[in-house]
């Protein structure tokens, strides 16, 4: 989940920003970026709304909120966590540039809080009841089973 947000979301934002500046209609690059954003949004929505373990939203929310707190306390330190060396793969550098945009604009703080809310729901931590375990047939008095 965290990799989808940081990698896919960051790359999509960077591509959308680059695609929107290139041509008035946006072009193919913008449509691919918007599709990637929709896919990341779909994954986030399914994890937040579904009956998946609350840890699936807790860990990414803590990463995003902790990084936002570090950014609020020390901007240079928070931005130094982004890989920008030439030895790093180009896709990773593009994702890091998009993550910088998402971090500095406060989107990571918003997503962190939104993903933390399901952790507070007690129903997410309870075990699901399996009806097959509770419903068993009573055997007649004189039978072996």
Protein backbone atom coordinates (compact mmCIF):
# COMPACT_ATOMS: atom_id res chain seq x y z
CA UNK A 1 0.00 0.00 0.00
CA UNK A 2 2.79 2.41 0.91
CA UNK A 3 4.70 1.59 -2.27
CA UNK A 4 1.58 2.20 -4.36
CA UNK A 5 1.08 5.60 -2.76
CA UNK A 6 4.67 6.76 -2.85
CA UNK A 7 5.77 5.14 -6.09
CA UNK A 8 2.65 5.13 -8.24
CA UNK A 9 1.15 8.31 -6.88
CA UNK A 10 4.40 10.25 -7.07
CA UNK A 11 5.14 9.08 -10.60
CA UNK A 12 1.59 9.88 -11.74
CA UNK A 13 1.69 13.40 -10.30
CA UNK A 14 5.04 14.11 -11.93
CA UNK A 15 3.85 12.80 -15.31
CA UNK A 16 0.58 14.73 -15.09
CA UNK A 17 2.39 17.96 -14.32
CA UNK A 18 4.85 17.41 -17.17
CA UNK A 19 2.07 16.35 -19.57
CA UNK A 20 -0.17 19.28 -18.79
CA UNK A 21 2.60 21.78 -19.51
CA UNK A 22 3.54 20.20 -22.84
CA UNK A 23 0.37 20.67 -24.86
CA UNK A 24 -3.00 22.37 -24.44
CA UNK A 25 -5.01 19.14 -24.63
CA UNK A 26 -2.58 17.20 -22.42
CA UNK A 27 -1.85 14.36 -24.79
CA UNK A 28 -1.22 10.70 -24.15
CA UNK A 29 1.20 11.29 -21.25
CA UNK A 30 -1.48 13.13 -19.27
CA UNK A 31 -4.05 10.37 -19.87
CA UNK A 32 -1.62 7.69 -18.71
CA UNK A 33 -0.84 9.71 -15.59
CA UNK A 34 -4.53 10.22 -14.83
CA UNK A 35 -5.13 6.48 -15.29
CA UNK A 36 -2.31 5.71 -12.86
CA UNK A 37 -3.80 8.15 -10.35
CA UNK A 38 -7.18 6.48 -10.72
CA UNK A 39 -5.61 3.06 -10.15
CA UNK A 40 -3.82 4.27 -7.00
CA UNK A 41 -7.07 5.88 -5.80
CA UNK A 42 -8.94 2.63 -6.42
CA UNK A 43 -6.42 0.64 -4.38
CA UNK A 44 -6.56 3.18 -1.54
CA UNK A 45 -10.36 3.18 -1.59
CA UNK A 46 -10.59 -0.61 -1.53
CA UNK A 47 -8.17 -0.88 1.37
CA UNK A 48 -9.82 1.90 3.38
CA UNK A 49 -13.40 0.72 2.80
CA UNK A 50 -12.87 -3.05 2.68
CA UNK A 51 -12.67 -5.62 5.44
CA UNK A 52 -8.92 -5.95 5.17
CA UNK A 53 -6.64 -5.94 8.19
CA UNK A 54 -6.43 -2.49 9.80
CA UNK A 55 -2.65 -2.79 9.60
CA UNK A 56 -3.01 -2.34 5.82
CA UNK A 57 -4.03 1.26 6.42
CA UNK A 58 -2.18 1.85 9.69
CA UNK A 59 1.36 1.44 8.34
CA UNK A 60 0.96 3.71 5.29
CA UNK A 61 -0.87 6.31 7.36
CA UNK A 62 1.94 6.38 9.92
CA UNK A 63 4.55 6.71 7.17
CA UNK A 64 2.71 9.62 5.56
CA UNK A 65 1.93 11.37 8.84
CA UNK A 66 5.46 10.91 10.20
CA UNK A 67 6.96 12.27 7.00
CA UNK A 68 4.59 15.26 7.19
CA UNK A 69 5.62 15.93 10.80
CA UNK A 70 9.29 15.76 9.83
CA UNK A 71 8.53 18.18 6.98
CA UNK A 72 6.81 20.58 9.40
CA UNK A 73 9.74 20.45 11.83
CA UNK A 74 12.66 20.40 9.38
CA UNK A 75 11.98 20.94 5.69
CA UNK A 76 15.51 20.12 4.54
CA UNK A 77 15.62 16.82 6.40
CA UNK A 78 12.25 15.72 5.03
CA UNK A 79 13.24 16.55 1.47
CA UNK A 80 16.61 14.83 1.88
CA UNK A 81 14.75 11.51 2.21
CA UNK A 82 13.82 11.73 -1.47
CA UNK A 83 16.31 10.07 -3.84
CA UNK A 84 17.63 12.53 -6.41
CA UNK A 85 21.11 11.24 -7.25
CA UNK A 86 21.92 10.53 -10.92
CA UNK A 87 22.73 6.91 -10.01
CA UNK A 88 19.08 6.27 -9.11
CA UNK A 89 16.75 4.95 -11.82
CA UNK A 90 14.89 7.63 -13.79
CA UNK A 91 11.46 6.26 -12.75
CA UNK A 92 12.40 6.47 -9.08
CA UNK A 93 13.61 10.06 -9.53
CA UNK A 94 10.33 10.98 -11.26
CA UNK A 95 8.33 9.38 -8.45
CA UNK A 96 10.45 11.27 -5.90
CA UNK A 97 9.76 14.57 -7.68
CA UNK A 98 6.03 13.83 -7.55
CA UNK A 99 6.29 12.84 -3.90
CA UNK A 100 7.95 16.18 -3.21
CA UNK A 101 4.96 17.92 -4.76
CA UNK A 102 2.51 15.81 -2.73
CA UNK A 103 4.46 16.37 0.50
CA UNK A 104 4.88 20.12 0.13
CA UNK A 105 1.25 20.65 -0.88
CA UNK A 106 -0.11 18.74 2.13
CA UNK A 107 -1.71 15.90 0.18
CA UNK A 108 0.28 13.32 2.17
CA UNK A 109 -1.07 14.78 5.42
CA UNK A 110 -4.62 14.55 4.08
CA UNK A 111 -4.15 10.95 2.90
CA UNK A 112 -2.45 10.00 6.17
CA UNK A 113 -5.39 11.18 8.24
CA UNK A 114 -7.93 9.61 5.88
CA UNK A 115 -6.12 6.27 6.07
CA UNK A 116 -5.81 6.45 9.86
CA UNK A 117 -9.58 6.78 10.48
CA UNK A 118 -10.37 3.09 9.71
CA UNK A 119 -7.81 2.07 12.33
CA UNK A 120 -9.98 3.73 14.99
CA UNK A 121 -13.04 1.64 14.12
CA UNK A 122 -13.41 -1.25 16.60
CA UNK A 123 -15.21 -3.38 14.03
CA UNK A 124 -12.05 -3.48 11.92
CA UNK A 125 -10.13 -5.16 14.75
CA UNK A 126 -12.76 -7.77 15.61
CA UNK A 127 -12.73 -11.23 14.13
CA UNK A 128 -15.36 -11.99 11.52
CA UNK A 129 -17.97 -14.51 12.62
CA UNK A 130 -18.14 -17.54 10.41
CA UNK A 131 -21.74 -18.70 10.28
CA UNK A 132 -20.77 -22.21 9.28
CA UNK A 133 -19.12 -22.76 12.67
CA UNK A 134 -22.20 -21.72 14.63
CA UNK A 135 -24.85 -23.51 12.58
CA UNK A 136 -24.60 -27.23 13.11
CA UNK A 137 -27.37 -29.75 12.98
CA UNK A 138 -28.59 -31.37 16.12
CA UNK A 139 -28.46 -35.14 15.85
CA UNK A 140 -31.52 -37.11 16.92
CA UNK A 141 -31.32 -38.68 20.38
CA UNK A 142 -30.72 -42.25 19.30
CA UNK A 143 -28.09 -41.70 16.59
CA UNK A 144 -24.33 -42.01 16.59
CA UNK A 145 -23.67 -38.70 14.84
